[in-house]
Amino acid sequence: MATKPEYDQEILNLFDGYVHGTLTRRQFIDRAAAFTAAGATAASVLASLSPDYALAQQVAPNDESISTSYQEYASPKGAGVMRGYLARPAGAEQKLPGVVVIHENRGLNPYIEDVARRLAVAGFMAFAPDALTPLGGYPGNDDDGRTMQRERDGDEMTEDFIAAAEFLQSHPDCTGKVGAVGFCFGGGMVMQLALRIPSLAAAVPFYGRHPAPEAAASIQCPLMLHHAGLDDRVNASWPAFEKGLQDAGRDYTNFMYADVNHGFHNDTTPRYDQAAAELAWQRTIDHFSRHLTSDG
């Protein structure tokens, strides 16, 4: 894996604004110019901050221990026919617990497919839907993917992800016990699934948008939340939501990883933090093993 470059925190904050739509590309370049090192341009810094999917692949698509395929599923209250990436242990004779994997705000990119394969290696049936299906699917790069995802109706996308969880729950090779994990946009969507699906067995949002505090009472499944210590944007609403969880007596565990940025689990960008990502992932696997296995 490539060594993570060092960047001024101000540049990383500006990049967060760019990827979440509060800054245009031109605004990022103009503002980042003040923080770039000698000899570097803001445009080159932006390019280096963008995902490079050749840098990190923890589980190869042709790994013989797993099987993968693309599957269509019905989303009658959403966009109709949707598509996702299914990964599972190869040759499993018994039914498997399931995990829905929800992507960031840019569609089903190679990083999220790799996350699904990691779950398959850990013994789960993982299903990663692509919210961009109605627009032709993930376009092959994140910039266009973000633009496309902004074109989708938010309520309709929520229904598409609910339908994905129901597809996995009813899959003949699944035990029916299903959890969900997601990152950024996907983290917020995981919390929506926890609100909307009473039968969801476990939920793990990574640095996702928090629901309103009063909505916490509707969450039935155990939550494990992962937050980045430097992620002021997302963390601002955490205290109020945590109070909602406490007031409602919900089962939750929160981990705050000091001195890491939003997106720290994504090993294809310089925001990746290996120590925090590996610890958070082991905790995630432990959470799903505890709540999704037949004796959990």
Protein backbone atom coordinates (compact mmCIF):
# COMPACT_ATOMS: atom_id res chain seq x y z
CA MET A 1 0.00 0.00 0.00
CA ALA A 2 1.25 3.46 -0.84
CA THR A 3 2.53 5.73 1.91
CA LYS A 4 0.00 8.35 2.89
CA PRO A 5 1.16 11.84 1.88
CA GLU A 6 1.00 14.66 4.41
CA TYR A 7 -1.32 17.57 3.71
CA ASP A 8 -2.08 20.79 5.51
CA GLN A 9 -5.30 20.28 7.48
CA GLU A 10 -6.78 23.34 5.81
CA ILE A 11 -6.43 21.62 2.42
CA LEU A 12 -8.12 18.48 3.77
CA ASN A 13 -10.96 20.62 5.12
CA LEU A 14 -11.35 22.28 1.73
CA PHE A 15 -11.32 18.88 0.05
CA ASP A 16 -14.12 17.74 2.35
CA GLY A 17 -16.13 20.73 1.19
CA TYR A 18 -15.42 19.88 -2.44
CA VAL A 19 -16.47 16.23 -2.22
CA HIS A 20 -19.63 17.14 -0.32
CA GLY A 21 -20.76 19.83 -2.71
CA THR A 22 -20.22 22.97 -0.66
CA LEU A 23 -17.29 24.05 -2.86
CA THR A 24 -16.95 23.88 -6.62
CA ARG A 25 -13.75 22.63 -8.21
CA ARG A 26 -12.77 26.19 -9.03
CA GLN A 27 -13.44 27.34 -5.47
CA PHE A 28 -11.30 24.51 -4.09
CA ILE A 29 -8.41 25.38 -6.41
CA ASP A 30 -8.63 29.08 -5.63
CA ARG A 31 -8.72 28.59 -1.85
CA ALA A 32 -6.24 25.72 -1.69
CA ALA A 33 -3.61 27.74 -3.55
CA ALA A 34 -2.77 29.55 -0.32
CA PHE A 35 -1.79 26.28 1.38
CA THR A 36 0.05 24.39 -1.35
CA ALA A 37 3.73 23.64 -1.02
CA ALA A 38 6.29 25.34 -3.23
CA GLY A 39 6.30 23.89 -6.72
CA ALA A 40 2.87 22.33 -6.37
CA THR A 41 -0.38 23.59 -7.88
CA ALA A 42 -3.79 23.38 -6.26
CA ALA A 43 -4.99 21.36 -9.26
CA SER A 44 -2.25 18.77 -8.74
CA VAL A 45 -3.09 18.59 -5.02
CA LEU A 46 -6.74 17.96 -5.88
CA ALA A 47 -5.72 15.18 -8.23
CA SER A 48 -3.54 13.57 -5.55
CA LEU A 49 -6.38 13.74 -3.00
CA SER A 50 -8.82 12.01 -5.31
CA PRO A 51 -9.22 8.21 -5.02
CA ASP A 52 -6.71 6.01 -6.78
CA TYR A 53 -8.28 2.57 -6.88
CA ALA A 54 -5.05 0.97 -8.06
CA LEU A 55 -3.48 1.72 -4.66
CA ALA A 56 -5.59 -0.48 -2.47
CA GLN A 57 -7.39 -3.75 -3.01
CA GLN A 58 -7.51 -5.92 0.06
CA VAL A 59 -9.45 -8.81 -1.51
CA ALA A 60 -9.08 -9.56 -5.21
CA PRO A 61 -12.30 -10.03 -7.22
CA ASN A 62 -11.10 -13.49 -8.27
CA ASP A 63 -10.19 -14.60 -4.74
CA GLU A 64 -11.03 -18.31 -4.68
CA SER A 65 -12.38 -18.17 -1.13
CA ILE A 66 -15.37 -16.08 -2.19
CA SER A 67 -17.87 -15.82 -5.03
CA THR A 68 -19.15 -12.54 -6.47
CA SER A 69 -21.84 -11.50 -8.92
CA TYR A 70 -24.00 -8.56 -9.89
CA GLN A 71 -27.64 -9.00 -9.00
CA GLU A 72 -30.81 -7.12 -9.88
CA TYR A 73 -33.52 -6.56 -7.30
CA ALA A 74 -36.94 -4.95 -7.24
CA SER A 75 -37.51 -1.58 -5.61
CA PRO A 76 -41.22 -0.96 -6.20
CA LYS A 77 -41.37 2.19 -4.05
CA GLY A 78 -38.08 3.48 -5.42
CA ALA A 79 -36.63 3.39 -8.92
CA GLY A 80 -38.04 0.02 -9.97
CA VAL A 81 -35.25 -2.36 -10.94
CA MET A 82 -31.95 -1.82 -9.13
CA ARG A 83 -28.56 -3.51 -9.30
CA GLY A 84 -25.94 -4.40 -6.71
CA TYR A 85 -22.79 -6.39 -6.05
CA LEU A 86 -23.17 -9.64 -4.11
CA ALA A 87 -20.17 -11.24 -2.38
CA ARG A 88 -20.24 -14.38 -0.24
CA PRO A 89 -17.97 -17.18 0.95
CA ALA A 90 -17.46 -19.75 -1.79
CA GLY A 91 -19.00 -23.18 -1.28
CA ALA A 92 -20.86 -22.36 1.93
CA GLU A 93 -23.39 -25.11 2.58
CA GLN A 94 -25.23 -23.38 5.40
CA LYS A 95 -27.25 -20.19 5.23
CA LEU A 96 -25.30 -17.01 5.93
CA PRO A 97 -25.99 -13.79 7.82
CA GLY A 98 -26.18 -10.76 5.54
CA VAL A 99 -24.76 -7.24 5.49
CA VAL A 100 -25.90 -4.42 3.22
CA VAL A 101 -22.95 -2.20 2.25
CA ILE A 102 -23.91 1.37 1.41
CA HIS A 103 -21.59 3.53 -0.65
CA GLU A 104 -20.57 7.15 -0.30
CA ASN A 105 -22.13 9.98 -2.33
CA ARG A 106 -20.72 8.75 -5.65
CA GLY A 107 -22.15 5.32 -6.43
CA LEU A 108 -20.80 1.79 -6.23
CA ASN A 109 -17.09 2.38 -6.75
CA PRO A 110 -14.26 -0.20 -6.47
CA TYR A 111 -13.56 0.65 -2.82
CA ILE A 112 -17.11 -0.29 -1.78
CA GLU A 113 -16.99 -3.48 -3.83
CA ASP A 114 -13.77 -4.34 -2.00
CA VAL A 115 -15.50 -3.73 1.34
CA ALA A 116 -18.19 -6.21 0.30
CA ARG A 117 -15.50 -8.78 -0.49
CA ARG A 118 -13.87 -8.18 2.90
CA LEU A 119 -17.18 -9.04 4.54
CA ALA A 120 -17.44 -12.19 2.42
CA VAL A 121 -13.98 -13.27 3.58
CA ALA A 122 -15.20 -12.71 7.15
CA GLY A 123 -18.10 -15.13 6.57
CA PHE A 124 -21.00 -12.86 5.63
CA MET A 125 -23.18 -12.54 2.55
CA ALA A 126 -22.61 -8.92 1.57
CA PHE A 127 -24.75 -6.93 -0.86
CA ALA A 128 -23.69 -3.49 -2.10
CA PRO A 129 -26.44 -1.69 -4.06
CA ASP A 130 -25.65 1.00 -6.62
CA ALA A 131 -27.88 4.06 -6.21
CA LEU A 132 -26.81 5.17 -9.69
CA THR A 133 -28.50 2.20 -11.39
CA PRO A 134 -31.34 4.31 -12.88
CA LEU A 135 -28.71 6.61 -14.44
CA GLY A 136 -26.63 3.80 -15.91
CA GLY A 137 -24.64 2.84 -12.80
CA TYR A 138 -21.33 4.04 -11.39
CA PRO A 139 -19.63 5.85 -14.29
CA GLY A 140 -16.05 4.80 -13.56
CA ASN A 141 -14.90 7.93 -11.73
CA ASP A 142 -16.03 9.60 -8.53
CA ASP A 143 -16.41 13.16 -9.83
CA ASP A 144 -19.04 12.13 -12.36
CA GLY A 145 -20.52 9.75 -9.80
CA ARG A 146 -21.09 12.60 -7.33
CA THR A 147 -22.74 14.69 -10.02
CA MET A 148 -25.02 11.81 -10.96
CA GLN A 149 -25.99 10.98 -7.40
CA ARG A 150 -27.07 14.58 -6.81
CA GLU A 151 -29.57 14.06 -9.64
CA ARG A 152 -31.38 11.30 -7.75
CA ASP A 153 -34.34 11.97 -5.48
CA GLY A 154 -33.31 11.39 -1.87
CA ASP A 155 -36.54 9.74 -0.74
CA GLU A 156 -36.47 7.44 -3.73
CA MET A 157 -32.89 6.40 -2.98
CA THR A 158 -33.88 5.60 0.61
CA GLU A 159 -36.57 3.26 -0.71
CA ASP A 160 -34.00 1.63 -3.00
CA PHE A 161 -31.73 0.85 -0.05
CA ILE A 162 -34.63 -0.42 2.06
CA ALA A 163 -35.53 -2.72 -0.83
CA ALA A 164 -31.91 -3.92 -0.96
CA ALA A 165 -32.07 -4.93 2.70
CA GLU A 166 -35.35 -6.74 2.07
CA PHE A 167 -33.82 -8.48 -0.97
CA LEU A 168 -30.97 -9.74 1.17
CA GLN A 169 -33.23 -10.77 4.06
CA SER A 170 -35.35 -12.89 1.74
CA HIS A 171 -32.43 -14.37 -0.24
CA PRO A 172 -32.65 -18.19 -0.07
CA ASP A 173 -29.02 -18.42 1.05
CA CYS A 174 -29.41 -15.86 3.85
CA THR A 175 -30.45 -16.62 7.43
CA GLY A 176 -32.67 -13.55 7.37
CA LYS A 177 -30.52 -11.80 9.95
CA VAL A 178 -29.19 -8.71 8.18
CA GLY A 179 -27.12 -5.74 9.25
CA ALA A 180 -25.92 -2.65 7.42
CA VAL A 181 -22.67 -0.72 7.16
CA GLY A 182 -22.08 2.49 5.26
CA PHE A 183 -19.64 5.33 4.81
CA CYS A 184 -20.29 9.09 4.66
CA PHE A 185 -23.60 9.33 2.72
CA GLY A 186 -23.85 5.60 3.32
CA GLY A 187 -23.39 6.08 7.05
CA GLY A 188 -26.34 8.43 7.13
CA MET A 189 -28.35 5.97 5.04
CA VAL A 190 -27.53 3.14 7.46
CA MET A 191 -29.13 5.19 10.21
CA GLN A 192 -32.19 5.69 8.01
CA LEU A 193 -32.44 1.93 7.56
CA ALA A 194 -32.19 1.53 11.34
CA LEU A 195 -35.11 3.94 11.66
CA ARG A 196 -37.22 2.38 8.91
CA ILE A 197 -36.59 -1.39 9.22
CA PRO A 198 -37.56 -2.80 12.64
CA SER A 199 -36.08 -6.20 11.71
CA LEU A 200 -32.61 -4.84 10.95
CA ALA A 201 -30.34 -6.77 13.30
CA ALA A 202 -27.32 -4.43 13.54
CA ALA A 203 -26.10 -1.13 12.08
CA VAL A 204 -22.64 0.38 11.71
CA PRO A 205 -22.48 3.92 10.29
CA PHE A 206 -19.08 5.43 9.54
CA TYR A 207 -19.05 9.25 9.84
CA GLY A 208 -22.61 9.58 8.58
CA ARG A 209 -25.20 12.30 8.89
CA HIS A 210 -27.19 11.94 12.11
CA PRO A 211 -30.98 11.85 12.19
CA ALA A 212 -32.94 14.30 14.32
CA PRO A 213 -32.54 13.50 18.04
CA GLU A 214 -36.23 12.73 18.46
CA ALA A 215 -35.97 10.03 15.77
CA ALA A 216 -33.60 7.97 17.93
CA ALA A 217 -36.51 6.30 19.71
CA SER A 218 -37.45 4.53 16.47
CA ILE A 219 -34.13 2.68 16.26
CA GLN A 220 -34.50 -0.93 17.41
CA CYS A 221 -31.15 -2.48 16.46
CA PRO A 222 -27.80 -2.09 18.23
CA LEU A 223 -25.73 0.73 16.73
CA MET A 224 -21.98 0.99 16.47
CA LEU A 225 -20.90 4.43 15.28
CA HIS A 226 -17.45 5.44 14.03
CA HIS A 227 -16.54 9.14 13.97
CA ALA A 228 -13.37 10.94 12.88
CA GLY A 229 -11.97 13.32 15.47
CA LEU A 230 -11.20 16.05 12.91
CA ASP A 231 -14.59 15.80 11.19
CA ASP A 232 -16.17 18.96 12.60
CA ARG A 233 -18.92 18.98 9.97
CA VAL A 234 -20.43 15.61 10.92
CA ASN A 235 -19.49 15.70 14.59
CA ALA A 236 -21.38 18.95 15.21
CA SER A 237 -24.71 17.11 15.38
CA TRP A 238 -23.46 14.10 17.37
CA PRO A 239 -24.01 15.41 20.93
CA ALA A 240 -27.69 16.12 20.27
CA PHE A 241 -28.24 12.77 18.58
CA GLU A 242 -26.39 10.94 21.34
CA LYS A 243 -28.68 12.56 23.90
CA GLY A 244 -31.65 11.34 21.85
CA LEU A 245 -30.24 7.81 21.95
CA GLN A 246 -29.66 8.04 25.69
CA ASP A 247 -33.09 9.48 26.42
CA ALA A 248 -34.68 6.66 24.41
CA GLY A 249 -32.56 4.00 26.09
CA ARG A 250 -31.14 2.77 22.80
CA ASP A 251 -28.29 0.24 22.51
CA TYR A 252 -25.35 2.08 20.98
CA THR A 253 -21.57 2.26 21.09
CA ASN A 254 -19.66 5.26 19.74
CA PHE A 255 -15.99 5.40 18.85
CA MET A 256 -14.27 8.72 18.21
CA TYR A 257 -10.88 8.33 16.49
CA ALA A 258 -8.64 11.22 17.45
CA ASP A 259 -6.62 13.15 14.87
CA VAL A 260 -8.11 11.44 11.80
CA ASN A 261 -10.23 12.89 9.03
CA HIS A 262 -13.61 12.14 7.56
CA GLY A 263 -13.15 9.23 5.17
CA PHE A 264 -10.37 7.63 7.22
CA HIS A 265 -11.54 4.11 6.33
CA ASN A 266 -11.23 4.65 2.58
CA ASP A 267 -7.79 3.26 1.76
CA THR A 268 -7.73 4.75 -1.74
CA THR A 269 -7.22 8.36 -0.61
CA PRO A 270 -4.64 10.26 1.50
CA ARG A 271 -7.29 10.76 4.20
CA TYR A 272 -6.91 7.06 5.00
CA ASP A 273 -5.54 6.28 8.44
CA GLN A 274 -4.41 2.67 8.65
CA ALA A 275 -4.45 2.28 12.42
CA ALA A 276 -7.91 3.81 12.85
CA ALA A 277 -9.32 2.00 9.81
CA GLU A 278 -8.10 -1.42 10.91
CA LEU A 279 -9.33 -0.94 14.46
CA ALA A 280 -12.73 0.32 13.31
CA TRP A 281 -13.08 -2.56 10.86
CA GLN A 282 -12.25 -5.21 13.47
CA ARG A 283 -14.81 -3.64 15.78
CA THR A 284 -17.33 -3.69 12.94
CA ILE A 285 -16.76 -7.38 12.22
CA ASP A 286 -17.06 -8.15 15.93
CA HIS A 287 -20.34 -6.22 16.10
CA PHE A 288 -21.82 -8.12 13.17
CA SER A 289 -20.55 -11.46 14.47
CA ARG A 290 -22.17 -10.77 17.82
CA HIS A 291 -25.55 -9.71 16.48
CA LEU A 292 -25.98 -11.57 13.16
CA THR A 293 -24.75 -15.06 13.86
CA SER A 294 -27.31 -17.73 14.72
CA ASP A 295 -26.31 -17.80 18.38
CA GLY A 296 -25.84 -14.01 18.63
